[in-house]
């Protein structure tokens, strides 16, 4: 069975307010595939803590909604829109704010519910992972502290799975810093070597499609 690692961006994509989740439906679909027994997902527990800030702050809509309301006031004063158009738009903005407030109000329940999701293994930072993180500090990877710890967690846990007989290991990351290629798709040699040594193929999506893994990779 494939073992697939995910990171903070997956948590954010999964737990974001409903209208934002439409942007990355594959995040929920990946969890559905795990629940169906198609694969096992692995998530470092620190990713849940890291996801809280973007979920609470990046998805607030009141500022954006207020800007639209300011435009509506100006547009109606200048007779660019009708009173009916103004009313309909304001009702839509009110609904948007209500839905987002509702979804963010359920955030802790959504995150806590991940613990009961079949096919999802949330694992802790062990002493071995912390040691690997320290080792990575002396490599010129250019990673932020949380990303460095996530990388250490993926590498150590992948090695443990490989030693126990697992052969199909992957990491789905839409975090450009954790991907072993740059924006021009050129390999980041040091980071790529770390993943290769742990026998982990890295995907830049949640569909397990891109980049495609070559036939017979590392066999």
N, C-alpha and C. Protein backbone atom coordinates (compact mmCIF):
# COMPACT_ATOMS: atom_id res chain seq x y z
N UNK A 1 0.84 -1.20 0.00
CA UNK A 1 0.00 0.00 0.00
C UNK A 1 0.88 1.25 0.00
N UNK A 2 0.55 2.25 -0.81
CA UNK A 2 1.33 3.50 -0.80
C UNK A 2 1.22 4.23 0.54
N UNK A 3 2.32 4.83 0.93
CA UNK A 3 2.36 5.69 2.12
C UNK A 3 2.63 7.10 1.64
N UNK A 4 1.74 8.02 1.96
CA UNK A 4 1.82 9.38 1.44
C UNK A 4 1.88 10.38 2.59
N UNK A 5 2.93 11.20 2.60
CA UNK A 5 3.07 12.24 3.61
C UNK A 5 2.45 13.54 3.10
N UNK A 6 1.84 14.28 4.02
CA UNK A 6 1.30 15.60 3.71
C UNK A 6 1.81 16.57 4.77
N UNK A 7 1.68 17.86 4.46
CA UNK A 7 2.22 18.87 5.38
C UNK A 7 1.16 19.94 5.66
N UNK A 8 1.60 21.05 6.23
CA UNK A 8 0.69 22.08 6.72
C UNK A 8 -0.28 22.58 5.66
N UNK A 9 0.19 22.74 4.43
CA UNK A 9 -0.69 23.25 3.38
C UNK A 9 -1.86 22.31 3.11
N UNK A 10 -1.66 21.02 3.33
CA UNK A 10 -2.77 20.09 3.16
C UNK A 10 -3.81 20.33 4.25
N UNK A 11 -3.36 20.54 5.49
CA UNK A 11 -4.29 20.81 6.59
C UNK A 11 -5.09 22.08 6.30
N UNK A 12 -4.40 23.12 5.84
CA UNK A 12 -5.06 24.38 5.53
C UNK A 12 -6.09 24.18 4.41
N UNK A 13 -5.70 23.47 3.36
CA UNK A 13 -6.62 23.24 2.24
C UNK A 13 -7.83 22.43 2.67
N UNK A 14 -7.62 21.48 3.57
CA UNK A 14 -8.72 20.62 4.03
C UNK A 14 -9.67 21.37 4.96
N UNK A 15 -9.12 22.20 5.86
CA UNK A 15 -9.92 22.80 6.91
C UNK A 15 -10.39 24.22 6.61
N UNK A 16 -10.02 24.77 5.47
CA UNK A 16 -10.39 26.15 5.13
C UNK A 16 -11.90 26.29 4.99
N UNK A 17 -12.43 27.53 5.09
CA UNK A 17 -13.86 27.74 4.85
C UNK A 17 -14.30 27.14 3.53
N UNK A 18 -15.54 26.74 3.46
CA UNK A 18 -16.04 25.92 2.35
C UNK A 18 -15.76 26.51 0.98
N UNK A 19 -15.96 27.82 0.80
CA UNK A 19 -15.79 28.38 -0.54
C UNK A 19 -14.32 28.42 -0.94
N UNK A 20 -13.39 28.40 0.04
CA UNK A 20 -11.97 28.32 -0.27
C UNK A 20 -11.57 26.89 -0.61
N UNK A 21 -12.23 25.91 0.01
CA UNK A 21 -11.89 24.51 -0.24
C UNK A 21 -12.14 24.13 -1.70
N UNK A 22 -13.02 24.87 -2.35
CA UNK A 22 -13.29 24.58 -3.75
C UNK A 22 -12.05 24.77 -4.61
N UNK A 23 -11.09 25.57 -4.11
CA UNK A 23 -9.87 25.81 -4.87
C UNK A 23 -8.99 24.57 -4.92
N UNK A 24 -8.98 23.77 -3.85
CA UNK A 24 -8.13 22.58 -3.80
C UNK A 24 -8.98 21.40 -3.31
N UNK A 25 -9.95 20.97 -4.09
CA UNK A 25 -10.80 19.84 -3.66
C UNK A 25 -10.00 18.55 -3.49
N UNK A 26 -8.83 18.48 -4.13
CA UNK A 26 -8.04 17.25 -4.05
C UNK A 26 -7.54 16.98 -2.63
N UNK A 27 -7.50 18.00 -1.77
CA UNK A 27 -7.07 17.78 -0.39
C UNK A 27 -8.03 16.84 0.33
N UNK A 28 -9.32 17.10 0.19
CA UNK A 28 -10.33 16.22 0.80
C UNK A 28 -10.40 14.89 0.08
N UNK A 29 -10.21 14.92 -1.23
CA UNK A 29 -10.26 13.67 -2.01
C UNK A 29 -9.13 12.73 -1.59
N UNK A 30 -7.97 13.30 -1.26
CA UNK A 30 -6.85 12.47 -0.82
C UNK A 30 -7.19 11.75 0.48
N UNK A 31 -7.86 12.46 1.38
CA UNK A 31 -8.29 11.84 2.64
C UNK A 31 -9.34 10.76 2.37
N UNK A 32 -10.22 11.00 1.41
CA UNK A 32 -11.22 9.98 1.04
C UNK A 32 -10.53 8.73 0.50
N UNK A 33 -9.48 8.90 -0.27
CA UNK A 33 -8.75 7.75 -0.81
C UNK A 33 -8.10 6.96 0.32
N UNK A 34 -7.64 7.66 1.35
CA UNK A 34 -7.07 6.97 2.51
C UNK A 34 -8.14 6.20 3.27
N UNK A 35 -9.30 6.83 3.44
CA UNK A 35 -10.39 6.17 4.16
C UNK A 35 -10.88 4.93 3.41
N UNK A 36 -10.74 4.94 2.09
CA UNK A 36 -11.17 3.80 1.28
C UNK A 36 -10.13 2.69 1.25
N UNK A 37 -8.99 2.91 1.91
CA UNK A 37 -7.95 1.88 1.97
C UNK A 37 -7.02 1.87 0.78
N UNK A 38 -7.09 2.92 -0.05
CA UNK A 38 -6.24 2.98 -1.23
C UNK A 38 -4.80 3.33 -0.88
N UNK A 39 -4.63 4.08 0.23
CA UNK A 39 -3.30 4.51 0.66
C UNK A 39 -3.38 4.88 2.14
N UNK A 40 -2.21 5.12 2.75
CA UNK A 40 -2.15 5.61 4.12
C UNK A 40 -1.52 6.99 4.11
N UNK A 41 -2.19 7.94 4.76
CA UNK A 41 -1.66 9.29 4.87
C UNK A 41 -0.90 9.43 6.18
N UNK A 42 0.18 10.20 6.13
CA UNK A 42 0.98 10.47 7.32
C UNK A 42 1.15 11.98 7.47
N UNK A 43 0.85 12.49 8.65
CA UNK A 43 0.91 13.92 8.91
C UNK A 43 1.67 14.21 10.20
N UNK A 44 2.78 14.96 10.14
CA UNK A 44 3.45 15.36 11.39
C UNK A 44 2.51 16.22 12.23
N UNK A 45 2.44 15.95 13.51
CA UNK A 45 1.47 16.63 14.37
C UNK A 45 1.70 18.14 14.42
N UNK A 46 2.94 18.60 14.26
CA UNK A 46 3.20 20.04 14.33
C UNK A 46 2.52 20.79 13.19
N UNK A 47 2.16 20.10 12.12
CA UNK A 47 1.48 20.76 11.00
C UNK A 47 0.12 21.30 11.42
N UNK A 48 -0.53 20.63 12.37
CA UNK A 48 -1.83 21.11 12.85
C UNK A 48 -1.66 22.43 13.58
N UNK A 49 -0.64 22.52 14.41
CA UNK A 49 -0.37 23.77 15.12
C UNK A 49 -0.01 24.88 14.14
N UNK A 50 0.81 24.56 13.15
CA UNK A 50 1.23 25.58 12.19
C UNK A 50 0.07 26.06 11.34
N UNK A 51 -0.91 25.20 11.09
CA UNK A 51 -2.03 25.55 10.22
C UNK A 51 -2.99 26.54 10.86
N UNK A 52 -2.99 26.64 12.17
CA UNK A 52 -3.99 27.49 12.84
C UNK A 52 -3.87 28.95 12.43
N UNK A 53 -2.65 29.48 12.37
CA UNK A 53 -2.50 30.91 12.06
C UNK A 53 -3.05 31.26 10.67
N UNK A 54 -2.62 30.58 9.59
CA UNK A 54 -3.21 30.95 8.29
C UNK A 54 -4.71 30.71 8.23
N UNK A 55 -5.20 29.68 8.91
CA UNK A 55 -6.63 29.42 8.88
C UNK A 55 -7.42 30.53 9.58
N UNK A 56 -6.89 31.04 10.68
CA UNK A 56 -7.60 32.08 11.42
C UNK A 56 -7.44 33.47 10.80
N UNK A 57 -6.30 33.71 10.16
CA UNK A 57 -6.02 35.07 9.69
C UNK A 57 -6.14 35.24 8.18
N UNK A 58 -5.71 34.26 7.41
CA UNK A 58 -5.68 34.43 5.96
C UNK A 58 -7.05 34.32 5.31
N UNK A 59 -8.01 33.73 6.01
CA UNK A 59 -9.32 33.50 5.40
C UNK A 59 -10.40 34.43 5.93
N UNK A 60 -10.01 35.43 6.72
CA UNK A 60 -10.99 36.43 7.14
C UNK A 60 -11.42 37.25 5.93
N UNK A 61 -12.69 37.57 5.87
CA UNK A 61 -13.21 38.26 4.68
C UNK A 61 -13.80 39.63 4.98
N UNK A 62 -13.81 40.05 6.24
CA UNK A 62 -14.50 41.29 6.57
C UNK A 62 -13.85 42.49 5.89
N UNK A 63 -12.52 42.54 5.86
CA UNK A 63 -11.84 43.68 5.23
C UNK A 63 -12.20 43.77 3.75
N UNK A 64 -12.16 42.64 3.07
CA UNK A 64 -12.52 42.62 1.65
C UNK A 64 -13.98 43.02 1.45
N UNK A 65 -14.85 42.49 2.30
CA UNK A 65 -16.27 42.81 2.18
C UNK A 65 -16.52 44.30 2.42
N UNK A 66 -15.81 44.88 3.39
CA UNK A 66 -15.99 46.30 3.67
C UNK A 66 -15.52 47.17 2.50
N UNK A 67 -14.47 46.72 1.82
CA UNK A 67 -14.02 47.47 0.64
C UNK A 67 -15.08 47.46 -0.45
N UNK A 68 -15.71 46.31 -0.63
CA UNK A 68 -16.78 46.23 -1.63
C UNK A 68 -17.94 47.14 -1.22
N UNK A 69 -18.26 47.18 0.06
CA UNK A 69 -19.35 48.04 0.53
C UNK A 69 -19.02 49.52 0.29
N UNK A 70 -17.75 49.87 0.47
CA UNK A 70 -17.35 51.25 0.19
C UNK A 70 -17.53 51.57 -1.29
N UNK A 71 -17.17 50.59 -2.15
CA UNK A 71 -17.37 50.79 -3.57
C UNK A 71 -18.86 50.94 -3.89
N UNK A 72 -19.69 50.11 -3.26
CA UNK A 72 -21.12 50.18 -3.52
C UNK A 72 -21.68 51.56 -3.17
N UNK A 73 -21.21 52.09 -2.04
CA UNK A 73 -21.68 53.41 -1.64
C UNK A 73 -21.31 54.47 -2.68
N UNK A 74 -20.05 54.41 -3.12
CA UNK A 74 -19.60 55.37 -4.14
C UNK A 74 -20.35 55.16 -5.46
N UNK A 75 -20.48 53.89 -5.87
CA UNK A 75 -21.10 53.59 -7.15
C UNK A 75 -22.56 54.01 -7.19
N UNK A 76 -23.24 53.87 -6.04
CA UNK A 76 -24.65 54.28 -6.03
C UNK A 76 -24.75 55.81 -6.02
N UNK A 77 -23.86 56.47 -5.27
CA UNK A 77 -23.88 57.93 -5.26
C UNK A 77 -23.63 58.50 -6.65
N UNK A 78 -22.76 57.81 -7.41
CA UNK A 78 -22.43 58.27 -8.76
C UNK A 78 -23.37 57.69 -9.81
N UNK A 79 -24.35 56.93 -9.35
CA UNK A 79 -25.37 56.33 -10.23
C UNK A 79 -24.77 55.35 -11.26
N UNK A 80 -23.74 54.63 -10.81
CA UNK A 80 -23.18 53.58 -11.66
C UNK A 80 -23.90 52.25 -11.47
N UNK A 81 -24.59 52.10 -10.35
CA UNK A 81 -25.37 50.89 -10.09
C UNK A 81 -26.74 51.31 -9.56
N UNK A 82 -27.68 50.38 -9.65
CA UNK A 82 -29.02 50.67 -9.17
C UNK A 82 -29.14 50.29 -7.69
N UNK A 83 -30.19 50.75 -7.07
CA UNK A 83 -30.45 50.40 -5.68
C UNK A 83 -30.65 48.90 -5.52
N UNK A 84 -31.27 48.29 -6.53
CA UNK A 84 -31.48 46.84 -6.49
C UNK A 84 -30.15 46.09 -6.54
N UNK A 85 -29.25 46.51 -7.42
CA UNK A 85 -27.92 45.89 -7.51
C UNK A 85 -27.16 46.04 -6.20
N UNK A 86 -27.27 47.23 -5.60
CA UNK A 86 -26.61 47.47 -4.31
C UNK A 86 -27.14 46.52 -3.25
N UNK A 87 -28.46 46.37 -3.18
CA UNK A 87 -29.08 45.51 -2.16
C UNK A 87 -28.69 44.05 -2.35
N UNK A 88 -28.72 43.57 -3.59
CA UNK A 88 -28.38 42.18 -3.86
C UNK A 88 -26.93 41.89 -3.49
N UNK A 89 -26.03 42.81 -3.84
CA UNK A 89 -24.61 42.61 -3.53
C UNK A 89 -24.37 42.62 -2.03
N UNK A 90 -25.03 43.53 -1.33
CA UNK A 90 -24.85 43.60 0.13
C UNK A 90 -25.37 42.33 0.80
N UNK A 91 -26.47 41.77 0.30
CA UNK A 91 -26.98 40.52 0.86
C UNK A 91 -25.98 39.38 0.64
N UNK A 92 -25.36 39.35 -0.54
CA UNK A 92 -24.37 38.31 -0.83
C UNK A 92 -23.15 38.46 0.09
N UNK A 93 -22.72 39.70 0.32
CA UNK A 93 -21.58 39.93 1.22
C UNK A 93 -21.91 39.48 2.64
N UNK A 94 -23.12 39.78 3.09
CA UNK A 94 -23.54 39.36 4.44
C UNK A 94 -23.52 37.84 4.56
N UNK A 95 -23.98 37.16 3.51
CA UNK A 95 -23.97 35.70 3.54
C UNK A 95 -22.55 35.15 3.55
N UNK A 96 -21.67 35.76 2.75
CA UNK A 96 -20.29 35.31 2.72
C UNK A 96 -19.66 35.42 4.11
N UNK A 97 -19.84 36.56 4.75
CA UNK A 97 -19.28 36.75 6.09
C UNK A 97 -19.87 35.75 7.09
N UNK A 98 -21.14 35.47 6.95
CA UNK A 98 -21.80 34.53 7.86
C UNK A 98 -21.26 33.12 7.69
N UNK A 99 -21.10 32.69 6.43
CA UNK A 99 -20.61 31.34 6.18
C UNK A 99 -19.16 31.18 6.66
N UNK A 100 -18.33 32.18 6.41
CA UNK A 100 -16.94 32.10 6.84
C UNK A 100 -16.85 32.08 8.36
N UNK A 101 -17.63 32.93 9.02
CA UNK A 101 -17.64 32.95 10.49
C UNK A 101 -18.07 31.59 11.04
N UNK A 102 -19.06 30.99 10.38
CA UNK A 102 -19.53 29.66 10.81
C UNK A 102 -18.42 28.62 10.68
N UNK A 103 -17.78 28.59 9.51
CA UNK A 103 -16.76 27.58 9.26
C UNK A 103 -15.55 27.76 10.17
N UNK A 104 -15.13 29.00 10.38
CA UNK A 104 -13.99 29.23 11.27
C UNK A 104 -14.35 28.94 12.72
N UNK A 105 -15.63 29.12 13.06
CA UNK A 105 -16.08 28.77 14.40
C UNK A 105 -16.03 27.28 14.67
N UNK A 106 -16.07 26.49 13.60
CA UNK A 106 -15.99 25.03 13.72
C UNK A 106 -14.57 24.51 13.56
N UNK A 107 -13.61 25.42 13.42
CA UNK A 107 -12.26 25.01 13.05
C UNK A 107 -11.65 24.01 14.03
N UNK A 108 -11.76 24.27 15.32
CA UNK A 108 -11.14 23.36 16.29
C UNK A 108 -11.75 21.97 16.22
N UNK A 109 -13.06 21.90 16.01
CA UNK A 109 -13.70 20.60 15.85
C UNK A 109 -13.21 19.90 14.58
N UNK A 110 -13.01 20.69 13.51
CA UNK A 110 -12.52 20.11 12.26
C UNK A 110 -11.13 19.54 12.45
N UNK A 111 -10.25 20.30 13.11
CA UNK A 111 -8.88 19.83 13.33
C UNK A 111 -8.87 18.63 14.27
N UNK A 112 -9.64 18.68 15.35
CA UNK A 112 -9.68 17.56 16.29
C UNK A 112 -10.23 16.31 15.61
N UNK A 113 -11.15 16.51 14.67
CA UNK A 113 -11.73 15.37 13.98
C UNK A 113 -10.75 14.62 13.11
N UNK A 114 -9.64 15.24 12.76
CA UNK A 114 -8.64 14.54 11.95
C UNK A 114 -8.09 13.31 12.68
N UNK A 115 -8.13 13.35 14.01
CA UNK A 115 -7.59 12.23 14.79
C UNK A 115 -8.39 10.94 14.58
N UNK A 116 -9.66 11.10 14.20
CA UNK A 116 -10.51 9.93 14.02
C UNK A 116 -10.66 9.52 12.56
N UNK A 117 -9.99 10.20 11.65
CA UNK A 117 -10.14 9.89 10.24
C UNK A 117 -9.41 8.59 9.90
N UNK A 118 -10.13 7.61 9.33
CA UNK A 118 -9.46 6.35 8.96
C UNK A 118 -8.46 6.58 7.84
N UNK A 119 -7.34 5.90 7.95
CA UNK A 119 -6.32 6.01 6.93
C UNK A 119 -5.37 7.17 7.12
N UNK A 120 -5.58 7.99 8.17
CA UNK A 120 -4.69 9.12 8.45
C UNK A 120 -3.92 8.85 9.74
N UNK A 121 -2.61 8.84 9.64
CA UNK A 121 -1.74 8.64 10.79
C UNK A 121 -1.08 9.96 11.15
N UNK A 122 -1.47 10.54 12.29
CA UNK A 122 -0.86 11.77 12.79
C UNK A 122 0.23 11.35 13.78
N UNK A 123 1.47 11.65 13.45
CA UNK A 123 2.57 11.16 14.28
C UNK A 123 3.32 12.31 14.94
N UNK A 124 3.87 12.02 16.11
CA UNK A 124 4.54 13.03 16.92
C UNK A 124 5.99 13.22 16.50
N UNK A 125 6.55 14.30 16.99
CA UNK A 125 7.97 14.57 16.80
C UNK A 125 8.75 13.78 17.85
N UNK A 126 9.49 12.80 17.41
CA UNK A 126 10.25 11.94 18.31
C UNK A 126 11.66 12.50 18.53
N UNK A 127 12.38 11.85 19.42
CA UNK A 127 13.77 12.26 19.67
C UNK A 127 14.60 12.11 18.39
N UNK A 128 14.36 11.05 17.64
CA UNK A 128 15.10 10.82 16.40
C UNK A 128 14.81 11.92 15.38
N UNK A 129 13.55 12.36 15.32
CA UNK A 129 13.20 13.44 14.39
C UNK A 129 13.85 14.74 14.82
N UNK A 130 13.84 15.02 16.12
CA UNK A 130 14.48 16.24 16.61
C UNK A 130 15.99 16.22 16.32
N UNK A 131 16.61 15.06 16.46
CA UNK A 131 18.03 14.94 16.15
C UNK A 131 18.28 15.20 14.66
N UNK A 132 17.42 14.65 13.80
CA UNK A 132 17.59 14.87 12.37
C UNK A 132 17.42 16.35 12.03
N UNK A 133 16.50 17.00 12.71
CA UNK A 133 16.30 18.43 12.49
C UNK A 133 17.56 19.21 12.83
N UNK A 134 18.22 18.79 13.91
CA UNK A 134 19.48 19.44 14.28
C UNK A 134 20.53 19.21 13.20
N UNK A 135 20.60 18.00 12.68
CA UNK A 135 21.56 17.70 11.61
C UNK A 135 21.29 18.56 10.37
N UNK A 136 20.01 18.75 10.06
CA UNK A 136 19.65 19.55 8.89
C UNK A 136 20.02 21.02 9.06
N UNK A 137 20.15 21.45 10.32
CA UNK A 137 20.52 22.84 10.57
C UNK A 137 21.89 23.17 10.02
N UNK A 138 22.73 22.16 9.86
CA UNK A 138 24.09 22.38 9.38
C UNK A 138 24.22 22.16 7.87
N UNK A 139 23.07 22.02 7.21
CA UNK A 139 23.05 21.93 5.75
C UNK A 139 22.42 23.21 5.20
N UNK A 140 22.91 23.67 4.09
CA UNK A 140 22.43 24.92 3.50
C UNK A 140 21.17 24.67 2.69
N UNK A 141 20.06 24.48 3.41
CA UNK A 141 18.78 24.18 2.76
C UNK A 141 17.89 25.41 2.62
N UNK A 142 18.17 26.44 3.40
CA UNK A 142 17.38 27.66 3.32
C UNK A 142 15.95 27.50 3.80
N UNK A 143 15.71 26.61 4.75
CA UNK A 143 14.35 26.34 5.22
C UNK A 143 14.03 27.11 6.49
N UNK A 144 12.78 27.48 6.63
CA UNK A 144 12.30 28.06 7.87
C UNK A 144 12.23 26.97 8.93
N UNK A 145 12.26 27.32 10.23
CA UNK A 145 12.30 26.30 11.29
C UNK A 145 11.20 25.25 11.20
N UNK A 146 9.96 25.67 10.97
CA UNK A 146 8.87 24.69 10.89
C UNK A 146 9.07 23.76 9.70
N UNK A 147 9.47 24.33 8.56
CA UNK A 147 9.70 23.50 7.37
C UNK A 147 10.83 22.51 7.60
N UNK A 148 11.84 22.95 8.30
CA UNK A 148 12.98 22.07 8.59
C UNK A 148 12.54 20.89 9.47
N UNK A 149 11.69 21.17 10.44
CA UNK A 149 11.20 20.09 11.30
C UNK A 149 10.29 19.15 10.53
N UNK A 150 9.46 19.70 9.64
CA UNK A 150 8.59 18.85 8.81
C UNK A 150 9.43 17.95 7.92
N UNK A 151 10.47 18.52 7.31
CA UNK A 151 11.36 17.72 6.47
C UNK A 151 11.99 16.60 7.29
N UNK A 152 12.48 16.91 8.47
CA UNK A 152 13.09 15.88 9.32
C UNK A 152 12.08 14.79 9.65
N UNK A 153 10.83 15.19 9.92
CA UNK A 153 9.80 14.21 10.25
C UNK A 153 9.51 13.28 9.07
N UNK A 154 9.42 13.85 7.87
CA UNK A 154 9.16 13.05 6.68
C UNK A 154 10.31 12.09 6.42
N UNK A 155 11.53 12.56 6.54
CA UNK A 155 12.69 11.71 6.25
C UNK A 155 12.80 10.56 7.24
N UNK A 156 12.70 10.87 8.52
CA UNK A 156 12.86 9.82 9.55
C UNK A 156 11.74 8.80 9.47
N UNK A 157 10.50 9.28 9.37
CA UNK A 157 9.38 8.34 9.33
C UNK A 157 9.41 7.51 8.05
N UNK A 158 9.84 8.11 6.94
CA UNK A 158 9.95 7.35 5.68
C UNK A 158 10.99 6.25 5.81
N UNK A 159 12.10 6.56 6.42
CA UNK A 159 13.15 5.55 6.61
C UNK A 159 12.64 4.42 7.48
N UNK A 160 11.87 4.75 8.51
CA UNK A 160 11.31 3.71 9.37
C UNK A 160 10.35 2.82 8.60
N UNK A 161 9.52 3.43 7.76
CA UNK A 161 8.57 2.65 6.96
C UNK A 161 9.30 1.77 5.95
N UNK A 162 10.35 2.31 5.35
CA UNK A 162 11.12 1.54 4.38
C UNK A 162 11.77 0.32 5.04
N UNK A 163 12.32 0.53 6.22
CA UNK A 163 12.97 -0.57 6.93
C UNK A 163 11.97 -1.64 7.36
N UNK A 164 10.70 -1.24 7.50
CA UNK A 164 9.66 -2.21 7.88
C UNK A 164 9.06 -2.91 6.66
N UNK A 165 9.55 -2.55 5.46
CA UNK A 165 9.10 -3.23 4.25
C UNK A 165 8.29 -2.41 3.28
N UNK A 166 7.94 -1.17 3.64
CA UNK A 166 7.17 -0.32 2.73
C UNK A 166 8.05 0.10 1.56
N UNK A 167 7.49 0.07 0.36
CA UNK A 167 8.28 0.38 -0.84
C UNK A 167 7.77 1.60 -1.60
N UNK A 168 6.51 1.97 -1.41
CA UNK A 168 5.90 3.06 -2.16
C UNK A 168 5.69 4.24 -1.22
N UNK A 169 6.67 5.16 -1.20
CA UNK A 169 6.64 6.30 -0.29
C UNK A 169 6.58 7.59 -1.09
N UNK A 170 5.73 8.50 -0.67
CA UNK A 170 5.59 9.77 -1.39
C UNK A 170 5.31 10.89 -0.41
N UNK A 171 5.58 12.11 -0.86
CA UNK A 171 5.34 13.32 -0.08
C UNK A 171 4.61 14.31 -0.98
N UNK A 172 3.40 14.70 -0.59
CA UNK A 172 2.65 15.70 -1.35
C UNK A 172 2.85 17.06 -0.69
N UNK A 173 3.51 17.96 -1.38
CA UNK A 173 3.77 19.28 -0.81
C UNK A 173 3.57 20.36 -1.85
N UNK A 174 2.74 21.35 -1.50
CA UNK A 174 2.60 22.52 -2.36
C UNK A 174 3.39 23.69 -1.79
N UNK A 175 4.22 23.40 -0.79
CA UNK A 175 5.14 24.39 -0.21
C UNK A 175 6.40 24.42 -1.07
N UNK A 176 6.63 25.52 -1.77
CA UNK A 176 7.78 25.62 -2.68
C UNK A 176 9.10 25.38 -1.97
N UNK A 177 9.19 25.75 -0.70
CA UNK A 177 10.45 25.56 0.03
C UNK A 177 10.77 24.09 0.26
N UNK A 178 9.74 23.25 0.38
CA UNK A 178 9.95 21.83 0.63
C UNK A 178 10.02 21.00 -0.64
N UNK A 179 9.71 21.60 -1.77
CA UNK A 179 9.79 20.88 -3.04
C UNK A 179 11.24 20.83 -3.53
N UNK A 180 11.70 19.69 -4.07
CA UNK A 180 13.10 19.54 -4.49
C UNK A 180 13.37 20.11 -5.88
N UNK A 181 12.65 21.16 -6.25
CA UNK A 181 12.90 21.85 -7.51
C UNK A 181 12.57 23.33 -7.30
N UNK A 182 13.19 24.17 -8.14
CA UNK A 182 12.94 25.60 -8.01
C UNK A 182 11.80 26.02 -8.93
N UNK A 183 11.55 27.32 -9.02
CA UNK A 183 10.41 27.80 -9.81
C UNK A 183 10.59 27.55 -11.30
N UNK A 184 11.82 27.28 -11.72
CA UNK A 184 12.08 26.95 -13.12
C UNK A 184 12.13 25.45 -13.34
N UNK A 185 11.78 24.70 -12.29
CA UNK A 185 11.75 23.23 -12.32
C UNK A 185 13.15 22.62 -12.35
N UNK A 186 14.16 23.40 -12.00
CA UNK A 186 15.50 22.85 -11.88
C UNK A 186 15.65 22.17 -10.52
N UNK A 187 16.34 21.02 -10.45
CA UNK A 187 16.46 20.32 -9.17
C UNK A 187 17.24 21.12 -8.13
N UNK A 188 16.79 21.05 -6.89
CA UNK A 188 17.59 21.53 -5.76
C UNK A 188 18.41 20.32 -5.30
N UNK A 189 19.66 20.29 -5.69
CA UNK A 189 20.46 19.07 -5.57
C UNK A 189 20.49 18.51 -4.15
N UNK A 190 20.73 19.35 -3.16
CA UNK A 190 20.86 18.87 -1.79
C UNK A 190 19.54 18.32 -1.26
N UNK A 191 18.47 19.04 -1.50
CA UNK A 191 17.17 18.59 -1.01
C UNK A 191 16.72 17.34 -1.75
N UNK A 192 16.95 17.29 -3.06
CA UNK A 192 16.59 16.11 -3.84
C UNK A 192 17.33 14.87 -3.34
N UNK A 193 18.61 15.03 -3.00
CA UNK A 193 19.39 13.90 -2.51
C UNK A 193 18.83 13.38 -1.19
N UNK A 194 18.35 14.27 -0.34
CA UNK A 194 17.78 13.85 0.94
C UNK A 194 16.52 13.01 0.71
N UNK A 195 15.66 13.46 -0.19
CA UNK A 195 14.45 12.68 -0.49
C UNK A 195 14.80 11.35 -1.16
N UNK A 196 15.73 11.39 -2.10
CA UNK A 196 16.11 10.16 -2.80
C UNK A 196 16.68 9.14 -1.83
N UNK A 197 17.51 9.59 -0.91
CA UNK A 197 18.12 8.67 0.05
C UNK A 197 17.07 8.04 0.97
N UNK A 198 15.99 8.78 1.21
CA UNK A 198 14.90 8.24 2.03
C UNK A 198 13.88 7.49 1.18
N UNK A 199 14.12 7.43 -0.14
CA UNK A 199 13.24 6.75 -1.10
C UNK A 199 11.84 7.35 -1.13
N UNK A 200 11.79 8.68 -1.08
CA UNK A 200 10.53 9.41 -1.08
C UNK A 200 10.40 10.19 -2.39
N UNK A 201 9.31 9.93 -3.13
CA UNK A 201 9.03 10.71 -4.33
C UNK A 201 8.14 11.89 -3.94
N UNK A 202 8.48 13.07 -4.40
CA UNK A 202 7.75 14.29 -4.02
C UNK A 202 6.83 14.73 -5.16
N UNK A 203 5.55 14.91 -4.80
CA UNK A 203 4.56 15.44 -5.73
C UNK A 203 4.27 16.90 -5.37
N UNK A 204 3.99 17.70 -6.37
CA UNK A 204 3.65 19.09 -6.14
C UNK A 204 2.15 19.33 -6.13
N UNK A 205 1.37 18.26 -6.00
CA UNK A 205 -0.08 18.36 -5.93
C UNK A 205 -0.61 17.29 -4.99
N UNK A 206 -1.92 17.30 -4.77
CA UNK A 206 -2.55 16.30 -3.92
C UNK A 206 -3.19 15.18 -4.74
N UNK A 207 -2.92 15.15 -6.02
CA UNK A 207 -3.49 14.14 -6.91
C UNK A 207 -2.54 12.97 -7.15
N UNK A 208 -1.33 13.08 -6.63
CA UNK A 208 -0.29 12.07 -6.85
C UNK A 208 0.00 11.92 -8.35
N UNK A 209 0.08 13.05 -9.02
CA UNK A 209 0.26 13.02 -10.46
C UNK A 209 1.50 13.78 -10.95
N UNK A 210 1.77 14.93 -10.38
CA UNK A 210 2.82 15.79 -10.94
C UNK A 210 3.83 16.19 -9.85
N UNK A 211 5.11 16.04 -10.20
CA UNK A 211 5.64 15.42 -11.42
C UNK A 211 5.49 13.89 -11.36
N UNK A 212 5.31 13.30 -12.53
CA UNK A 212 5.11 11.85 -12.60
C UNK A 212 6.37 11.11 -12.16
N UNK A 213 6.17 10.04 -11.39
CA UNK A 213 7.31 9.24 -10.94
C UNK A 213 7.78 8.33 -12.08
N UNK A 214 9.06 8.38 -12.43
CA UNK A 214 9.57 7.53 -13.53
C UNK A 214 9.43 6.05 -13.21
N UNK A 215 9.22 5.28 -14.22
CA UNK A 215 9.13 3.82 -14.07
C UNK A 215 10.44 3.29 -13.50
N UNK A 216 10.32 2.47 -12.46
CA UNK A 216 11.51 1.87 -11.87
C UNK A 216 12.38 2.82 -11.08
N UNK A 217 11.81 3.92 -10.63
CA UNK A 217 12.57 4.93 -9.87
C UNK A 217 13.23 4.31 -8.64
N UNK A 218 14.56 4.47 -8.52
CA UNK A 218 15.37 4.02 -7.39
C UNK A 218 15.27 2.52 -7.11
N UNK A 219 15.00 1.74 -8.11
CA UNK A 219 14.95 0.28 -7.89
C UNK A 219 16.25 -0.36 -8.34
